[in-house]
Amino acid sequence: MDAQRALLDELMGAARNLTEEEKKDYREIHWDDREVCGPFMVRFCPHDLFVNTKSDLGLCPKIHDLKLKERYQKIFELYFLETCNQLKYCIIASTILGLMCFELVDEYINFISC
């Protein structure tokens, strides 16, 4: 039954059983909508990368839809790579800053101890 429903949804759209009144308020989600998470469409969302760490981005505010992901995976590939590079550079900068602060604290402690 679910397989038949999925096939009908794919062929005729999810709004096939709605009345004309209900169709006025219905809006189908497309891959290029702003509410859809682009990186999720390619592989995985950056919000899922660093869960329970200092770099945790929290829950993704955008839509994660597997049907859209299957249809449009290749489109967001470049955006995904750019986002990953930006995250990588932010984490590297944060790590360097932390190391610099640690060295300054260590120097300060040595200065006070003398």
PDB file of N, CA and C in Angstrom:
ATOM      1  N   MET A   1       0.818  -1.199   0.000  1.00  0.00           N
ATOM      2  CA  MET A   1       0.000   0.000   0.000  1.00  0.00           C
ATOM      3  C   MET A   1       0.865   1.268   0.000  1.00  0.00           C
ATOM      4  N   ASP A   2       1.913   1.277   0.854  1.00  0.00           N
ATOM      5  CA  ASP A   2       2.792   2.448   0.917  1.00  0.00           C
ATOM      6  C   ASP A   2       3.581   2.616  -0.378  1.00  0.00           C
ATOM      7  N   ALA A   3       3.953   1.502  -0.985  1.00  0.00           N
ATOM      8  CA  ALA A   3       4.690   1.581  -2.247  1.00  0.00           C
ATOM      9  C   ALA A   3       3.804   2.174  -3.340  1.00  0.00           C
ATOM     10  N   GLN A   4       2.543   1.807  -3.344  1.00  0.00           N
ATOM     11  CA  GLN A   4       1.607   2.352  -4.330  1.00  0.00           C
ATOM     12  C   GLN A   4       1.386   3.841  -4.100  1.00  0.00           C
ATOM     13  N   ARG A   5       1.259   4.225  -2.838  1.00  0.00           N
ATOM     14  CA  ARG A   5       1.068   5.637  -2.498  1.00  0.00           C
ATOM     15  C   ARG A   5       2.291   6.449  -2.916  1.00  0.00           C
ATOM     16  N   ALA A   6       3.484   5.901  -2.659  1.00  0.00           N
ATOM     17  CA  ALA A   6       4.714   6.591  -3.046  1.00  0.00           C
ATOM     18  C   ALA A   6       4.797   6.743  -4.561  1.00  0.00           C
ATOM     19  N   LEU A   7       4.396   5.710  -5.283  1.00  0.00           N
ATOM     20  CA  LEU A   7       4.417   5.778  -6.741  1.00  0.00           C
ATOM     21  C   LEU A   7       3.443   6.834  -7.264  1.00  0.00           C
ATOM     22  N   LEU A   8       2.242   6.873  -6.677  1.00  0.00           N
ATOM     23  CA  LEU A   8       1.273   7.897  -7.072  1.00  0.00           C
ATOM     24  C   LEU A   8       1.767   9.300  -6.728  1.00  0.00           C
ATOM     25  N   ASP A   9       2.399   9.443  -5.570  1.00  0.00           N
ATOM     26  CA  ASP A   9       2.960  10.743  -5.188  1.00  0.00           C
ATOM     27  C   ASP A   9       4.013  11.190  -6.202  1.00  0.00           C
ATOM     28  N   GLU A  10       4.833  10.247  -6.638  1.00  0.00           N
ATOM     29  CA  GLU A  10       5.879  10.580  -7.594  1.00  0.00           C
ATOM     30  C   GLU A  10       5.297  10.953  -8.954  1.00  0.00           C
ATOM     31  N   LEU A  11       4.276  10.240  -9.379  1.00  0.00           N
ATOM     32  CA  LEU A  11       3.690  10.482 -10.698  1.00  0.00           C
ATOM     33  C   LEU A  11       2.759  11.687 -10.732  1.00  0.00           C
ATOM     34  N   MET A  12       1.922  11.815  -9.706  1.00  0.00           N
ATOM     35  CA  MET A  12       0.872  12.833  -9.739  1.00  0.00           C
ATOM     36  C   MET A  12       1.090  13.965  -8.734  1.00  0.00           C
ATOM     37  N   GLY A  13       2.078  13.818  -7.868  1.00  0.00           N
ATOM     38  CA  GLY A  13       2.316  14.843  -6.864  1.00  0.00           C
ATOM     39  C   GLY A  13       1.617  14.509  -5.557  1.00  0.00           C
ATOM     40  N   ALA A  14       2.133  15.066  -4.474  1.00  0.00           N
ATOM     41  CA  ALA A  14       1.587  14.772  -3.153  1.00  0.00           C
ATOM     42  C   ALA A  14       0.220  15.416  -2.935  1.00  0.00           C
ATOM     43  N   ALA A  15      -0.138  16.384  -3.755  1.00  0.00           N
ATOM     44  CA  ALA A  15      -1.404  17.111  -3.572  1.00  0.00           C
ATOM     45  C   ALA A  15      -2.527  16.540  -4.425  1.00  0.00           C
ATOM     46  N   ARG A  16      -2.400  15.321  -4.888  1.00  0.00           N
ATOM     47  CA  ARG A  16      -3.387  14.754  -5.824  1.00  0.00           C
ATOM     48  C   ARG A  16      -4.762  14.564  -5.204  1.00  0.00           C
ATOM     49  N   ASN A  17      -4.846  14.352  -3.903  1.00  0.00           N
ATOM     50  CA  ASN A  17      -6.126  14.087  -3.246  1.00  0.00           C
ATOM     51  C   ASN A  17      -6.722  15.323  -2.571  1.00  0.00           C
ATOM     52  N   LEU A  18      -6.072  16.460  -2.694  1.00  0.00           N
ATOM     53  CA  LEU A  18      -6.571  17.660  -2.039  1.00  0.00           C
ATOM     54  C   LEU A  18      -7.718  18.277  -2.842  1.00  0.00           C
ATOM     55  N   THR A  19      -8.626  18.920  -2.128  1.00  0.00           N
ATOM     56  CA  THR A  19      -9.708  19.639  -2.791  1.00  0.00           C
ATOM     57  C   THR A  19      -9.161  20.950  -3.350  1.00  0.00           C
ATOM     58  N   GLU A  20      -9.941  21.609  -4.169  1.00  0.00           N
ATOM     59  CA  GLU A  20      -9.505  22.887  -4.745  1.00  0.00           C
ATOM     60  C   GLU A  20      -9.229  23.920  -3.652  1.00  0.00           C
ATOM     61  N   GLU A  21     -10.033  23.882  -2.600  1.00  0.00           N
ATOM     62  CA  GLU A  21      -9.858  24.809  -1.472  1.00  0.00           C
ATOM     63  C   GLU A  21      -8.526  24.536  -0.757  1.00  0.00           C
ATOM     64  N   GLU A  22      -8.224  23.257  -0.544  1.00  0.00           N
ATOM     65  CA  GLU A  22      -6.983  22.888   0.134  1.00  0.00           C
ATOM     66  C   GLU A  22      -5.758  23.150  -0.741  1.00  0.00           C
ATOM     67  N   LYS A  23      -5.913  23.030  -2.051  1.00  0.00           N
ATOM     68  CA  LYS A  23      -4.790  23.247  -2.966  1.00  0.00           C
ATOM     69  C   LYS A  23      -4.328  24.695  -2.991  1.00  0.00           C
ATOM     70  N   LYS A  24      -5.221  25.627  -2.639  1.00  0.00           N
ATOM     71  CA  LYS A  24      -4.835  27.045  -2.621  1.00  0.00           C
ATOM     72  C   LYS A  24      -3.755  27.310  -1.588  1.00  0.00           C
ATOM     73  N   ASP A  25      -3.838  26.626  -0.429  1.00  0.00           N
ATOM     74  CA  ASP A  25      -2.880  26.832   0.658  1.00  0.00           C
ATOM     75  C   ASP A  25      -1.684  25.898   0.569  1.00  0.00           C
ATOM     76  N   TYR A  26      -1.757  24.896  -0.300  1.00  0.00           N
ATOM     77  CA  TYR A  26      -0.690  23.891  -0.396  1.00  0.00           C
ATOM     78  C   TYR A  26       0.440  24.399  -1.291  1.00  0.00           C
ATOM     79  N   ARG A  27       1.655  24.192  -0.831  1.00  0.00           N
ATOM     80  CA  ARG A  27       2.821  24.549  -1.631  1.00  0.00           C
ATOM     81  C   ARG A  27       3.820  23.399  -1.546  1.00  0.00           C
ATOM     82  N   GLU A  28       4.138  22.828  -2.690  1.00  0.00           N
ATOM     83  CA  GLU A  28       5.069  21.705  -2.728  1.00  0.00           C
ATOM     84  C   GLU A  28       6.501  22.220  -2.584  1.00  0.00           C
ATOM     85  N   ILE A  29       7.320  21.457  -1.895  1.00  0.00           N
ATOM     86  CA  ILE A  29       8.715  21.832  -1.657  1.00  0.00           C
ATOM     87  C   ILE A  29       9.547  21.417  -2.867  1.00  0.00           C
ATOM     88  N   HIS A  30      10.402  22.340  -3.314  1.00  0.00           N
ATOM     89  CA  HIS A  30      11.303  22.068  -4.422  1.00  0.00           C
ATOM     90  C   HIS A  30      12.743  22.168  -3.924  1.00  0.00           C
ATOM     91  N   TRP A  31      13.662  21.585  -4.675  1.00  0.00           N
ATOM     92  CA  TRP A  31      15.057  21.576  -4.260  1.00  0.00           C
ATOM     93  C   TRP A  31      15.659  22.962  -4.144  1.00  0.00           C
ATOM     94  N   ASP A  32      15.143  23.938  -4.886  1.00  0.00           N
ATOM     95  CA  ASP A  32      15.731  25.268  -4.866  1.00  0.00           C
ATOM     96  C   ASP A  32      15.054  26.221  -3.892  1.00  0.00           C
ATOM     97  N   ASP A  33      14.149  25.716  -3.063  1.00  0.00           N
ATOM     98  CA  ASP A  33      13.527  26.559  -2.040  1.00  0.00           C
ATOM     99  C   ASP A  33      14.559  26.935  -0.980  1.00  0.00           C
ATOM    100  N   ARG A  34      14.388  28.099  -0.406  1.00  0.00           N
ATOM    101  CA  ARG A  34      15.322  28.566   0.616  1.00  0.00           C
ATOM    102  C   ARG A  34      15.250  27.730   1.893  1.00  0.00           C
ATOM    103  N   GLU A  35      14.125  27.056   2.099  1.00  0.00           N
ATOM    104  CA  GLU A  35      13.943  26.280   3.325  1.00  0.00           C
ATOM    105  C   GLU A  35      14.646  24.926   3.271  1.00  0.00           C
ATOM    106  N   VAL A  36      15.118  24.509   2.097  1.00  0.00           N
ATOM    107  CA  VAL A  36      15.750  23.203   1.933  1.00  0.00           C
ATOM    108  C   VAL A  36      17.244  23.327   2.214  1.00  0.00           C
ATOM    109  N   CYS A  37      17.777  22.377   2.966  1.00  0.00           N
ATOM    110  CA  CYS A  37      19.195  22.373   3.326  1.00  0.00           C
ATOM    111  C   CYS A  37      20.017  21.839   2.151  1.00  0.00           C
ATOM    112  N   GLY A  38      20.773  22.718   1.506  1.00  0.00           N
ATOM    113  CA  GLY A  38      21.568  22.353   0.352  1.00  0.00           C
ATOM    114  C   GLY A  38      22.654  21.322   0.637  1.00  0.00           C
ATOM    115  N   PRO A  39      23.453  21.516   1.684  1.00  0.00           N
ATOM    116  CA  PRO A  39      24.489  20.517   1.973  1.00  0.00           C
ATOM    117  C   PRO A  39      23.919  19.125   2.253  1.00  0.00           C
ATOM    118  N   PHE A  40      22.772  19.044   2.886  1.00  0.00           N
ATOM    119  CA  PHE A  40      22.140  17.748   3.129  1.00  0.00           C
ATOM    120  C   PHE A  40      21.792  17.068   1.817  1.00  0.00           C
ATOM    121  N   MET A  41      21.429  17.865   0.818  1.00  0.00           N
ATOM    122  CA  MET A  41      21.055  17.303  -0.472  1.00  0.00           C
ATOM    123  C   MET A  41      22.247  16.600  -1.134  1.00  0.00           C
ATOM    124  N   VAL A  42      23.472  17.068  -0.880  1.00  0.00           N
ATOM    125  CA  VAL A  42      24.648  16.473  -1.501  1.00  0.00           C
ATOM    126  C   VAL A  42      25.088  15.228  -0.738  1.00  0.00           C
ATOM    127  N   ARG A  43      25.382  15.376   0.513  1.00  0.00           N
ATOM    128  CA  ARG A  43      25.835  14.233   1.313  1.00  0.00           C
ATOM    129  C   ARG A  43      25.283  14.302   2.727  1.00  0.00           C
ATOM    130  N   PHE A  44      25.771  15.292   3.511  1.00  0.00           N
ATOM    131  CA  PHE A  44      25.309  15.453   4.880  1.00  0.00           C
ATOM    132  C   PHE A  44      25.405  16.911   5.284  1.00  0.00           C
ATOM    133  N   CYS A  45      24.616  17.263   6.246  1.00  0.00           N
ATOM    134  CA  CYS A  45      24.522  18.650   6.695  1.00  0.00           C
ATOM    135  C   CYS A  45      25.695  18.989   7.621  1.00  0.00           C
ATOM    136  N   PRO A  46      26.316  20.162   7.476  1.00  0.00           N
ATOM    137  CA  PRO A  46      27.402  20.550   8.375  1.00  0.00           C
ATOM    138  C   PRO A  46      26.961  20.621   9.837  1.00  0.00           C
ATOM    139  N   HIS A  47      25.684  20.817  10.055  1.00  0.00           N
ATOM    140  CA  HIS A  47      25.182  20.863  11.433  1.00  0.00           C
ATOM    141  C   HIS A  47      25.289  19.496  12.110  1.00  0.00           C
ATOM    142  N   ASP A  48      25.454  18.431  11.318  1.00  0.00           N
ATOM    143  CA  ASP A  48      25.583  17.089  11.869  1.00  0.00           C
ATOM    144  C   ASP A  48      27.039  16.673  12.068  1.00  0.00           C
ATOM    145  N   LEU A  49      27.989  17.518  11.692  1.00  0.00           N
ATOM    146  CA  LEU A  49      29.406  17.134  11.729  1.00  0.00           C
ATOM    147  C   LEU A  49      30.001  17.119  13.139  1.00  0.00           C
ATOM    148  N   PHE A  50      29.784  18.139  13.906  1.00  0.00           N
ATOM    149  CA  PHE A  50      30.487  18.302  15.178  1.00  0.00           C
ATOM    150  C   PHE A  50      29.533  18.273  16.368  1.00  0.00           C
ATOM    151  N   VAL A  51      28.656  17.297  16.379  1.00  0.00           N
ATOM    152  CA  VAL A  51      27.658  17.190  17.447  1.00  0.00           C
ATOM    153  C   VAL A  51      28.368  16.900  18.770  1.00  0.00           C
ATOM    154  N   ASN A  52      27.935  17.577  19.826  1.00  0.00           N
ATOM    155  CA  ASN A  52      28.470  17.432  21.186  1.00  0.00           C
ATOM    156  C   ASN A  52      29.942  17.810  21.292  1.00  0.00           C
ATOM    157  N   THR A  53      30.369  18.808  20.535  1.00  0.00           N
ATOM    158  CA  THR A  53      31.722  19.352  20.656  1.00  0.00           C
ATOM    159  C   THR A  53      31.605  20.865  20.824  1.00  0.00           C
ATOM    160  N   LYS A  54      32.741  21.527  21.002  1.00  0.00           N
ATOM    161  CA  LYS A  54      32.736  22.982  21.099  1.00  0.00           C
ATOM    162  C   LYS A  54      32.302  23.635  19.796  1.00  0.00           C
ATOM    163  N   SER A  55      32.506  22.922  18.696  1.00  0.00           N
ATOM    164  CA  SER A  55      32.167  23.463  17.373  1.00  0.00           C
ATOM    165  C   SER A  55      30.781  23.044  16.909  1.00  0.00           C
ATOM    166  N   ASP A  56      29.952  22.560  17.824  1.00  0.00           N
ATOM    167  CA  ASP A  56      28.597  22.121  17.471  1.00  0.00           C
ATOM    168  C   ASP A  56      27.793  23.304  16.943  1.00  0.00           C
ATOM    169  N   LEU A  57      27.184  23.129  15.776  1.00  0.00           N
ATOM    170  CA  LEU A  57      26.402  24.196  15.148  1.00  0.00           C
ATOM    171  C   LEU A  57      24.933  24.157  15.554  1.00  0.00           C
ATOM    172  N   GLY A  58      24.539  23.156  16.313  1.00  0.00           N
ATOM    173  CA  GLY A  58      23.138  23.022  16.726  1.00  0.00           C
ATOM    174  C   GLY A  58      22.312  22.355  15.635  1.00  0.00           C
ATOM    175  N   LEU A  59      21.018  22.344  15.824  1.00  0.00           N
ATOM    176  CA  LEU A  59      20.119  21.726  14.849  1.00  0.00           C
ATOM    177  C   LEU A  59      20.012  22.595  13.600  1.00  0.00           C
ATOM    178  N   CYS A  60      19.891  21.940  12.466  1.00  0.00           N
ATOM    179  CA  CYS A  60      19.760  22.662  11.207  1.00  0.00           C
ATOM    180  C   CYS A  60      18.347  23.230  11.092  1.00  0.00           C
ATOM    181  N   PRO A  61      18.224  24.512  10.796  1.00  0.00           N
ATOM    182  CA  PRO A  61      16.895  25.124  10.700  1.00  0.00           C
ATOM    183  C   PRO A  61      16.188  24.838   9.369  1.00  0.00           C
ATOM    184  N   LYS A  62      16.871  24.143   8.464  1.00  0.00           N
ATOM    185  CA  LYS A  62      16.307  23.920   7.137  1.00  0.00           C
ATOM    186  C   LYS A  62      15.738  22.510   7.001  1.00  0.00           C
ATOM    187  N   ILE A  63      15.056  22.264   5.888  1.00  0.00           N
ATOM    188  CA  ILE A  63      14.347  21.006   5.662  1.00  0.00           C
ATOM    189  C   ILE A  63      15.305  19.946   5.126  1.00  0.00           C
ATOM    190  N   HIS A  64      15.245  18.745   5.704  1.00  0.00           N
ATOM    191  CA  HIS A  64      15.989  17.583   5.232  1.00  0.00           C
ATOM    192  C   HIS A  64      14.972  16.586   4.680  1.00  0.00           C
ATOM    193  N   ASP A  65      14.890  16.477   3.351  1.00  0.00           N
ATOM    194  CA  ASP A  65      13.912  15.604   2.690  1.00  0.00           C
ATOM    195  C   ASP A  65      14.657  14.596   1.820  1.00  0.00           C
ATOM    196  N   LEU A  66      14.503  13.308   2.124  1.00  0.00           N
ATOM    197  CA  LEU A  66      15.225  12.263   1.399  1.00  0.00           C
ATOM    198  C   LEU A  66      14.814  12.162  -0.066  1.00  0.00           C
ATOM    199  N   LYS A  67      13.541  12.417  -0.370  1.00  0.00           N
ATOM    200  CA  LYS A  67      13.094  12.354  -1.764  1.00  0.00           C
ATOM    201  C   LYS A  67      13.775  13.426  -2.600  1.00  0.00           C
ATOM    202  N   LEU A  68      13.853  14.624  -2.062  1.00  0.00           N
ATOM    203  CA  LEU A  68      14.543  15.700  -2.778  1.00  0.00           C
ATOM    204  C   LEU A  68      16.033  15.400  -2.901  1.00  0.00           C
ATOM    205  N   LYS A  69      16.585  14.798  -1.863  1.00  0.00           N
ATOM    206  CA  LYS A  69      18.009  14.472  -1.875  1.00  0.00           C
ATOM    207  C   LYS A  69      18.333  13.489  -2.991  1.00  0.00           C
ATOM    208  N   GLU A  70      17.488  12.505  -3.170  1.00  0.00           N
ATOM    209  CA  GLU A  70      17.723  11.511  -4.221  1.00  0.00           C
ATOM    210  C   GLU A  70      17.691  12.150  -5.608  1.00  0.00           C
ATOM    211  N   ARG A  71      16.807  13.094  -5.816  1.00  0.00           N
ATOM    212  CA  ARG A  71      16.634  13.693  -7.142  1.00  0.00           C
ATOM    213  C   ARG A  71      17.717  14.708  -7.498  1.00  0.00           C
ATOM    214  N   TYR A  72      18.181  15.440  -6.523  1.00  0.00           N
ATOM    215  CA  TYR A  72      19.013  16.616  -6.832  1.00  0.00           C
ATOM    216  C   TYR A  72      20.360  16.621  -6.120  1.00  0.00           C
ATOM    217  N   GLN A  73      21.005  15.467  -5.939  1.00  0.00           N
ATOM    218  CA  GLN A  73      22.251  15.402  -5.184  1.00  0.00           C
ATOM    219  C   GLN A  73      23.395  16.168  -5.825  1.00  0.00           C
ATOM    220  N   LYS A  74      23.536  16.141  -7.088  1.00  0.00           N
ATOM    221  CA  LYS A  74      24.696  16.740  -7.748  1.00  0.00           C
ATOM    222  C   LYS A  74      24.685  18.269  -7.759  1.00  0.00           C
ATOM    223  N   ILE A  75      23.532  18.873  -7.635  1.00  0.00           N
ATOM    224  CA  ILE A  75      23.409  20.317  -7.822  1.00  0.00           C
ATOM    225  C   ILE A  75      24.158  21.126  -6.759  1.00  0.00           C
ATOM    226  N   PHE A  76      24.137  20.659  -5.526  1.00  0.00           N
ATOM    227  CA  PHE A  76      24.715  21.440  -4.433  1.00  0.00           C
ATOM    228  C   PHE A  76      26.138  21.022  -4.073  1.00  0.00           C
ATOM    229  N   GLU A  77      26.792  20.233  -4.908  1.00  0.00           N
ATOM    230  CA  GLU A  77      28.103  19.704  -4.562  1.00  0.00           C
ATOM    231  C   GLU A  77      29.142  20.811  -4.336  1.00  0.00           C
ATOM    232  N   LEU A  78      29.198  21.803  -5.199  1.00  0.00           N
ATOM    233  CA  LEU A  78      30.164  22.884  -5.037  1.00  0.00           C
ATOM    234  C   LEU A  78      29.885  23.718  -3.787  1.00  0.00           C
ATOM    235  N   TYR A  79      28.610  23.982  -3.523  1.00  0.00           N
ATOM    236  CA  TYR A  79      28.249  24.731  -2.322  1.00  0.00           C
ATOM    237  C   TYR A  79      28.692  23.980  -1.076  1.00  0.00           C
ATOM    238  N   PHE A  80      28.510  22.684  -1.098  1.00  0.00           N
ATOM    239  CA  PHE A  80      28.883  21.852   0.040  1.00  0.00           C
ATOM    240  C   PHE A  80      30.387  21.925   0.298  1.00  0.00           C
ATOM    241  N   LEU A  81      31.192  21.811  -0.752  1.00  0.00           N
ATOM    242  CA  LEU A  81      32.644  21.869  -0.598  1.00  0.00           C
ATOM    243  C   LEU A  81      33.094  23.223  -0.063  1.00  0.00           C
ATOM    244  N   GLU A  82      32.467  24.281  -0.534  1.00  0.00           N
ATOM    245  CA  GLU A  82      32.802  25.628  -0.053  1.00  0.00           C
ATOM    246  C   GLU A  82      32.479  25.769   1.438  1.00  0.00           C
ATOM    247  N   THR A  83      31.336  25.258   1.842  1.00  0.00           N
ATOM    248  CA  THR A  83      30.939  25.325   3.253  1.00  0.00           C
ATOM    249  C   THR A  83      31.906  24.539   4.133  1.00  0.00           C
ATOM    250  N   CYS A  84      32.306  23.367   3.674  1.00  0.00           N
ATOM    251  CA  CYS A  84      33.260  22.555   4.441  1.00  0.00           C
ATOM    252  C   CYS A  84      34.595  23.271   4.586  1.00  0.00           C
ATOM    253  N   ASN A  85      35.059  23.907   3.520  1.00  0.00           N
ATOM    254  CA  ASN A  85      36.318  24.648   3.599  1.00  0.00           C
ATOM    255  C   ASN A  85      36.216  25.814   4.577  1.00  0.00           C
ATOM    256  N   GLN A  86      35.102  26.523   4.566  1.00  0.00           N
ATOM    257  CA  GLN A  86      34.912  27.627   5.506  1.00  0.00           C
ATOM    258  C   GLN A  86      34.916  27.118   6.944  1.00  0.00           C
ATOM    259  N   LEU A  87      34.241  26.001   7.195  1.00  0.00           N
ATOM    260  CA  LEU A  87      34.240  25.418   8.540  1.00  0.00           C
ATOM    261  C   LEU A  87      35.645  24.995   8.959  1.00  0.00           C
ATOM    262  N   LYS A  88      36.373  24.398   8.020  1.00  0.00           N
ATOM    263  CA  LYS A  88      37.735  23.951   8.315  1.00  0.00           C
ATOM    264  C   LYS A  88      38.606  25.139   8.716  1.00  0.00           C
ATOM    265  N   TYR A  89      38.523  26.234   7.961  1.00  0.00           N
ATOM    266  CA  TYR A  89      39.349  27.398   8.275  1.00  0.00           C
ATOM    267  C   TYR A  89      38.937  28.053   9.592  1.00  0.00           C
ATOM    268  N   CYS A  90      37.655  28.058   9.898  1.00  0.00           N
ATOM    269  CA  CYS A  90      37.201  28.612  11.180  1.00  0.00           C
ATOM    270  C   CYS A  90      37.726  27.791  12.347  1.00  0.00           C
ATOM    271  N   ILE A  91      37.706  26.482  12.201  1.00  0.00           N
ATOM    272  CA  ILE A  91      38.178  25.605  13.286  1.00  0.00           C
ATOM    273  C   ILE A  91      39.691  25.729  13.435  1.00  0.00           C
ATOM    274  N   ILE A  92      40.412  25.815  12.319  1.00  0.00           N
ATOM    275  CA  ILE A  92      41.860  25.999  12.390  1.00  0.00           C
ATOM    276  C   ILE A  92      42.192  27.322  13.081  1.00  0.00           C
ATOM    277  N   ALA A  93      41.491  28.390  12.713  1.00  0.00           N
ATOM    278  CA  ALA A  93      41.729  29.698  13.334  1.00  0.00           C
ATOM    279  C   ALA A  93      41.423  29.650  14.831  1.00  0.00           C
ATOM    280  N   SER A  94      40.345  28.973  15.191  1.00  0.00           N
ATOM    281  CA  SER A  94      39.980  28.850  16.598  1.00  0.00           C
ATOM    282  C   SER A  94      41.044  28.069  17.366  1.00  0.00           C
ATOM    283  N   THR A  95      41.566  27.023  16.763  1.00  0.00           N
ATOM    284  CA  THR A  95      42.609  26.221  17.407  1.00  0.00           C
ATOM    285  C   THR A  95      43.885  27.035  17.587  1.00  0.00           C
ATOM    286  N   ILE A  96      44.267  27.779  16.563  1.00  0.00           N
ATOM    287  CA  ILE A  96      45.475  28.614  16.652  1.00  0.00           C
ATOM    288  C   ILE A  96      45.310  29.672  17.733  1.00  0.00           C
ATOM    289  N   LEU A  97      44.139  30.294  17.769  1.00  0.00           N
ATOM    290  CA  LEU A  97      43.878  31.309  18.794  1.00  0.00           C
ATOM    291  C   LEU A  97      43.950  30.702  20.191  1.00  0.00           C
ATOM    292  N   GLY A  98      43.399  29.519  20.344  1.00  0.00           N
ATOM    293  CA  GLY A  98      43.461  28.837  21.641  1.00  0.00           C
ATOM    294  C   GLY A  98      44.886  28.524  22.049  1.00  0.00           C
ATOM    295  N   LEU A  99      45.694  28.077  21.102  1.00  0.00           N
ATOM    296  CA  LEU A  99      47.098  27.788  21.403  1.00  0.00           C
ATOM    297  C   LEU A  99      47.857  29.056  21.779  1.00  0.00           C
ATOM    298  N   MET A 100      47.566  30.154  21.074  1.00  0.00           N
ATOM    299  CA  MET A 100      48.225  31.421  21.387  1.00  0.00           C
ATOM    300  C   MET A 100      47.855  31.885  22.793  1.00  0.00           C
ATOM    301  N   CYS A 101      46.589  31.766  23.155  1.00  0.00           N
ATOM    302  CA  CYS A 101      46.156  32.158  24.498  1.00  0.00           C
ATOM    303  C   CYS A 101      46.823  31.290  25.551  1.00  0.00           C
ATOM    304  N   PHE A 102      46.927  29.988  25.266  1.00  0.00           N
ATOM    305  CA  PHE A 102      47.569  29.072  26.199  1.00  0.00           C
ATOM    306  C   PHE A 102      49.026  29.457  26.414  1.00  0.00           C
ATOM    307  N   GLU A 103      49.719  29.808  25.326  1.00  0.00           N
ATOM    308  CA  GLU A 103      51.118  30.220  25.443  1.00  0.00           C
ATOM    309  C   GLU A 103      51.247  31.517  26.234  1.00  0.00           C
ATOM    310  N   LEU A 104      50.329  32.465  26.032  1.00  0.00           N
ATOM    311  CA  LEU A 104      50.372  33.724  26.783  1.00  0.00           C
ATOM    312  C   LEU A 104      50.144  33.480  28.262  1.00  0.00           C
ATOM    313  N   VAL A 105      49.200  32.609  28.599  1.00  0.00           N
ATOM    314  CA  VAL A 105      48.935  32.294  30.008  1.00  0.00           C
ATOM    315  C   VAL A 105      50.154  31.624  30.614  1.00  0.00           C
ATOM    316  N   ASP A 106      50.791  30.719  29.873  1.00  0.00           N
ATOM    317  CA  ASP A 106      51.973  30.022  30.362  1.00  0.00           C
ATOM    318  C   ASP A 106      53.107  31.023  30.614  1.00  0.00           C
ATOM    319  N   GLU A 107      53.311  31.974  29.678  1.00  0.00           N
ATOM    320  CA  GLU A 107      54.333  32.998  29.858  1.00  0.00           C
ATOM    321  C   GLU A 107      54.034  33.873  31.066  1.00  0.00           C
ATOM    322  N   TYR A 108      52.762  34.209  31.267  1.00  0.00           N
ATOM    323  CA  TYR A 108      52.367  35.041  32.393  1.00  0.00           C
ATOM    324  C   TYR A 108      52.642  34.334  33.719  1.00  0.00           C
ATOM    325  N   ILE A 109      52.321  33.051  33.749  1.00  0.00           N
ATOM    326  CA  ILE A 109      52.568  32.277  34.970  1.00  0.00           C
ATOM    327  C   ILE A 109      54.064  32.200  35.260  1.00  0.00           C
ATOM    328  N   ASN A 110      54.863  32.006  34.226  1.00  0.00           N
ATOM    329  CA  ASN A 110      56.311  31.971  34.420  1.00  0.00           C
ATOM    330  C   ASN A 110      56.847  33.326  34.888  1.00  0.00           C
ATOM    331  N   PHE A 111      56.267  34.401  34.360  1.00  0.00           N
ATOM    332  CA  PHE A 111      56.674  35.751  34.745  1.00  0.00           C
ATOM    333  C   PHE A 111      56.361  36.012  36.216  1.00  0.00           C
ATOM    334  N   ILE A 112      55.186  35.598  36.667  1.00  0.00           N
ATOM    335  CA  ILE A 112      54.769  35.811  38.064  1.00  0.00           C
ATOM    336  C   ILE A 112      55.597  34.957  39.000  1.00  0.00           C
ATOM    337  N   SER A 113      55.948  33.765  38.587  1.00  0.00           N
ATOM    338  CA  SER A 113      56.708  32.835  39.436  1.00  0.00           C
ATOM    339  C   SER A 113      58.118  33.327  39.719  1.00  0.00           C
ATOM    340  N   CYS A 114      58.675  34.132  38.817  1.00  0.00           N
ATOM    341  CA  CYS A 114      60.068  34.583  38.999  1.00  0.00           C
ATOM    342  C   CYS A 114      60.240  35.561  40.092  1.00  0.00           C
TER     343      CYS A 114
END
